[in-house]
Amino acid sequence: MTHSSLIDGLCRDKKLDVALDIWNRVLNKGFSVDIIVHNILIHGLCSFGRTEKALHIYLEMKHKDCSPNLVTYNTLMDGLEVGNCEKAAGIWDEMLQAGLQLISFLIRLYLKVFALAIGRLRLWSNWMMLCGVE
């Protein structure tokens, strides 16, 4: 079993602290981790409300020259949907600066983050209907 499968299984079982321990052991032993393993851990953390730690992993990956991809940005935006506008805007800007192609799902998610943050879900819903997005 690879460390990515182990971390994924632990995250799915809500054993995030154990997954983080395995993560740290892998890094401390000098093993490299690719974008897939980063995304697995970020997703696990975001799925259970630990967005601050997910953002920390995201920043670490950038310092290790492991470039985030659409999965990374999508996961972070989805995890930040509880209304953390400032951080969501920073992630959005970084995605645009990286030159990643925008897809309708990410645009919808971005608008939802900000609509929730300002308490205007009805405005968001109307905007999506006008745009023809369900």
C-alpha atoms as a PDB file:
ATOM      1  CA  MET A   1       0.000   0.000   0.000  1.00  0.00           C
ATOM      2  CA  THR A   2       1.371   3.404  -0.911  1.00  0.00           C
ATOM      3  CA  HIS A   3       1.284   6.378   1.403  1.00  0.00           C
ATOM      4  CA  SER A   4      -1.278   8.072  -0.872  1.00  0.00           C
ATOM      5  CA  SER A   5      -3.737   5.180  -0.499  1.00  0.00           C
ATOM      6  CA  LEU A   6      -3.180   5.073   3.232  1.00  0.00           C
ATOM      7  CA  ILE A   7      -3.719   8.824   3.648  1.00  0.00           C
ATOM      8  CA  ASP A   8      -6.813   8.680   1.420  1.00  0.00           C
ATOM      9  CA  GLY A   9      -8.349   5.851   3.444  1.00  0.00           C
ATOM     10  CA  LEU A  10      -7.637   7.599   6.727  1.00  0.00           C
ATOM     11  CA  CYS A  11      -9.196  10.826   5.480  1.00  0.00           C
ATOM     12  CA  ARG A  12     -12.307   8.978   4.297  1.00  0.00           C
ATOM     13  CA  ASP A  13     -12.576   7.364   7.740  1.00  0.00           C
ATOM     14  CA  LYS A  14     -12.345  10.827   9.364  1.00  0.00           C
ATOM     15  CA  LYS A  15      -9.009   9.936  10.976  1.00  0.00           C
ATOM     16  CA  LEU A  16      -7.423  13.206   9.963  1.00  0.00           C
ATOM     17  CA  ASP A  17      -4.908  13.380  12.783  1.00  0.00           C
ATOM     18  CA  VAL A  18      -3.597   9.920  11.894  1.00  0.00           C
ATOM     19  CA  ALA A  19      -3.460  10.931   8.211  1.00  0.00           C
ATOM     20  CA  LEU A  20      -1.487  14.048   9.153  1.00  0.00           C
ATOM     21  CA  ASP A  21       0.859  11.945  11.258  1.00  0.00           C
ATOM     22  CA  ILE A  22       1.519   9.620   8.297  1.00  0.00           C
ATOM     23  CA  TRP A  23       1.975  12.713   6.103  1.00  0.00           C
ATOM     24  CA  ASN A  24       4.587  14.132   8.461  1.00  0.00           C
ATOM     25  CA  ARG A  25       6.403  10.805   8.730  1.00  0.00           C
ATOM     26  CA  VAL A  26       6.580  10.515   4.944  1.00  0.00           C
ATOM     27  CA  LEU A  27       7.975  14.040   4.654  1.00  0.00           C
ATOM     28  CA  ASN A  28      10.407  13.584   7.555  1.00  0.00           C
ATOM     29  CA  LYS A  29      11.829  10.449   5.935  1.00  0.00           C
ATOM     30  CA  GLY A  30      12.609  12.467   2.828  1.00  0.00           C
ATOM     31  CA  PHE A  31      10.007  10.958   0.526  1.00  0.00           C
ATOM     32  CA  SER A  32       8.555  13.283  -2.044  1.00  0.00           C
ATOM     33  CA  VAL A  33       4.821  13.726  -2.340  1.00  0.00           C
ATOM     34  CA  ASP A  34       3.171  14.656  -5.602  1.00  0.00           C
ATOM     35  CA  ILE A  35       0.140  16.778  -6.421  1.00  0.00           C
ATOM     36  CA  ILE A  36      -2.176  13.798  -5.994  1.00  0.00           C
ATOM     37  CA  VAL A  37      -1.177  13.195  -2.375  1.00  0.00           C
ATOM     38  CA  HIS A  38      -1.415  16.922  -1.612  1.00  0.00           C
ATOM     39  CA  ASN A  39      -4.898  17.036  -3.124  1.00  0.00           C
ATOM     40  CA  ILE A  40      -6.003  13.956  -1.176  1.00  0.00           C
ATOM     41  CA  LEU A  41      -4.975  15.511   2.114  1.00  0.00           C
ATOM     42  CA  ILE A  42      -6.359  18.959   1.265  1.00  0.00           C
ATOM     43  CA  HIS A  43      -9.678  17.372   0.282  1.00  0.00           C
ATOM     44  CA  GLY A  44      -9.838  15.328   3.474  1.00  0.00           C
ATOM     45  CA  LEU A  45      -9.139  18.359   5.614  1.00  0.00           C
ATOM     46  CA  CYS A  46     -11.626  20.581   3.790  1.00  0.00           C
ATOM     47  CA  SER A  47     -14.308  17.881   3.897  1.00  0.00           C
ATOM     48  CA  PHE A  48     -14.306  17.936   7.671  1.00  0.00           C
ATOM     49  CA  GLY A  49     -13.993  21.674   8.266  1.00  0.00           C
ATOM     50  CA  ARG A  50     -10.250  21.903   8.791  1.00  0.00           C
ATOM     51  CA  THR A  51      -9.723  24.526   6.115  1.00  0.00           C
ATOM     52  CA  GLU A  52      -6.954  26.355   7.989  1.00  0.00           C
ATOM     53  CA  LYS A  53      -4.809  23.204   7.983  1.00  0.00           C
ATOM     54  CA  ALA A  54      -5.734  22.586   4.332  1.00  0.00           C
ATOM     55  CA  LEU A  55      -4.542  26.100   3.489  1.00  0.00           C
ATOM     56  CA  HIS A  56      -1.330  25.406   5.390  1.00  0.00           C
ATOM     57  CA  ILE A  57      -0.727  22.243   3.303  1.00  0.00           C
ATOM     58  CA  TYR A  58      -1.514  24.271   0.172  1.00  0.00           C
ATOM     59  CA  LEU A  59       1.083  26.914   1.083  1.00  0.00           C
ATOM     60  CA  GLU A  60       3.650  24.229   1.900  1.00  0.00           C
ATOM     61  CA  MET A  61       3.127  22.564  -1.462  1.00  0.00           C
ATOM     62  CA  LYS A  62       3.766  25.823  -3.267  1.00  0.00           C
ATOM     63  CA  HIS A  63       7.047  26.267  -1.362  1.00  0.00           C
ATOM     64  CA  LYS A  64       8.082  22.760  -2.420  1.00  0.00           C
ATOM     65  CA  ASP A  65       7.580  23.640  -6.105  1.00  0.00           C
ATOM     66  CA  CYS A  66       4.520  21.421  -6.367  1.00  0.00           C
ATOM     67  CA  SER A  67       2.153  23.464  -8.506  1.00  0.00           C
ATOM     68  CA  PRO A  68      -1.521  23.455  -7.539  1.00  0.00           C
ATOM     69  CA  ASN A  69      -3.956  22.343 -10.232  1.00  0.00           C
ATOM     70  CA  LEU A  70      -7.692  22.790 -10.837  1.00  0.00           C
ATOM     71  CA  VAL A  71      -8.462  20.017  -8.352  1.00  0.00           C
ATOM     72  CA  THR A  72      -6.493  21.851  -5.675  1.00  0.00           C
ATOM     73  CA  TYR A  73      -8.232  25.166  -6.302  1.00  0.00           C
ATOM     74  CA  ASN A  74     -11.668  23.569  -6.615  1.00  0.00           C
ATOM     75  CA  THR A  75     -11.201  21.715  -3.328  1.00  0.00           C
ATOM     76  CA  LEU A  76     -10.050  24.820  -1.487  1.00  0.00           C
ATOM     77  CA  MET A  77     -12.856  26.979  -2.873  1.00  0.00           C
ATOM     78  CA  ASP A  78     -15.391  24.328  -1.926  1.00  0.00           C
ATOM     79  CA  GLY A  79     -13.905  24.104   1.563  1.00  0.00           C
ATOM     80  CA  LEU A  80     -14.011  27.873   1.977  1.00  0.00           C
ATOM     81  CA  GLU A  81     -17.639  28.145   0.935  1.00  0.00           C
ATOM     82  CA  VAL A  82     -18.692  28.886   4.485  1.00  0.00           C
ATOM     83  CA  GLY A  83     -18.061  32.544   3.733  1.00  0.00           C
ATOM     84  CA  ASN A  84     -14.348  33.205   4.097  1.00  0.00           C
ATOM     85  CA  CYS A  85     -14.287  35.858   1.380  1.00  0.00           C
ATOM     86  CA  GLU A  86     -10.779  37.133   1.865  1.00  0.00           C
ATOM     87  CA  LYS A  87      -9.107  33.742   1.617  1.00  0.00           C
ATOM     88  CA  ALA A  88     -11.385  32.625  -1.206  1.00  0.00           C
ATOM     89  CA  ALA A  89     -10.489  35.768  -3.155  1.00  0.00           C
ATOM     90  CA  GLY A  90      -6.790  35.074  -2.626  1.00  0.00           C
ATOM     91  CA  ILE A  91      -7.153  31.505  -3.884  1.00  0.00           C
ATOM     92  CA  TRP A  92      -9.171  32.745  -6.865  1.00  0.00           C
ATOM     93  CA  ASP A  93      -6.521  35.342  -7.738  1.00  0.00           C
ATOM     94  CA  GLU A  94      -3.745  32.752  -7.499  1.00  0.00           C
ATOM     95  CA  MET A  95      -5.668  30.450  -9.799  1.00  0.00           C
ATOM     96  CA  LEU A  96      -6.077  33.206 -12.361  1.00  0.00           C
ATOM     97  CA  GLN A  97      -2.408  34.187 -12.089  1.00  0.00           C
ATOM     98  CA  ALA A  98      -1.440  30.568 -12.680  1.00  0.00           C
ATOM     99  CA  GLY A  99      -3.296  30.789 -15.985  1.00  0.00           C
ATOM    100  CA  LEU A 100      -5.631  27.922 -15.248  1.00  0.00           C
ATOM    101  CA  GLN A 101      -8.697  27.678 -17.398  1.00  0.00           C
ATOM    102  CA  LEU A 102     -11.903  28.686 -15.697  1.00  0.00           C
ATOM    103  CA  ILE A 103     -14.742  26.223 -15.817  1.00  0.00           C
ATOM    104  CA  SER A 104     -18.365  26.966 -15.046  1.00  0.00           C
ATOM    105  CA  PHE A 105     -18.302  24.883 -11.860  1.00  0.00           C
ATOM    106  CA  LEU A 106     -15.538  27.008 -10.357  1.00  0.00           C
ATOM    107  CA  ILE A 107     -17.241  30.215 -11.384  1.00  0.00           C
ATOM    108  CA  ARG A 108     -20.466  29.008  -9.746  1.00  0.00           C
ATOM    109  CA  LEU A 109     -18.586  27.994  -6.617  1.00  0.00           C
ATOM    110  CA  TYR A 110     -16.772  31.335  -6.426  1.00  0.00           C
ATOM    111  CA  LEU A 111     -20.032  33.253  -6.706  1.00  0.00           C
ATOM    112  CA  LYS A 112     -21.595  31.041  -4.045  1.00  0.00           C
ATOM    113  CA  VAL A 113     -18.745  31.730  -1.617  1.00  0.00           C
ATOM    114  CA  PHE A 114     -19.266  35.448  -1.898  1.00  0.00           C
ATOM    115  CA  ALA A 115     -23.055  35.282  -1.976  1.00  0.00           C
ATOM    116  CA  LEU A 116     -23.056  33.317   1.262  1.00  0.00           C
ATOM    117  CA  ALA A 117     -20.546  35.669   2.814  1.00  0.00           C
ATOM    118  CA  ILE A 118     -22.720  38.695   2.275  1.00  0.00           C
ATOM    119  CA  GLY A 119     -25.944  36.881   3.009  1.00  0.00           C
ATOM    120  CA  ARG A 120     -27.418  37.252  -0.425  1.00  0.00           C
ATOM    121  CA  LEU A 121     -28.196  33.711  -1.438  1.00  0.00           C
ATOM    122  CA  ARG A 122     -31.319  34.868  -3.282  1.00  0.00           C
ATOM    123  CA  LEU A 123     -29.192  37.217  -5.392  1.00  0.00           C
ATOM    124  CA  TRP A 124     -26.837  34.349  -6.178  1.00  0.00           C
ATOM    125  CA  SER A 125     -29.714  32.047  -7.116  1.00  0.00           C
ATOM    126  CA  ASN A 126     -31.246  34.669  -9.418  1.00  0.00           C
ATOM    127  CA  TRP A 127     -27.867  35.338 -11.015  1.00  0.00           C
ATOM    128  CA  MET A 128     -27.363  31.631 -11.713  1.00  0.00           C
ATOM    129  CA  MET A 129     -30.819  31.320 -13.267  1.00  0.00           C
ATOM    130  CA  LEU A 130     -30.144  34.331 -15.489  1.00  0.00           C
ATOM    131  CA  CYS A 131     -26.884  32.731 -16.562  1.00  0.00           C
ATOM    132  CA  GLY A 132     -28.660  29.466 -17.313  1.00  0.00           C
ATOM    133  CA  VAL A 133     -26.667  27.532 -14.735  1.00  0.00           C
ATOM    134  CA  GLU A 134     -28.456  25.080 -12.455  1.00  0.00           C
END
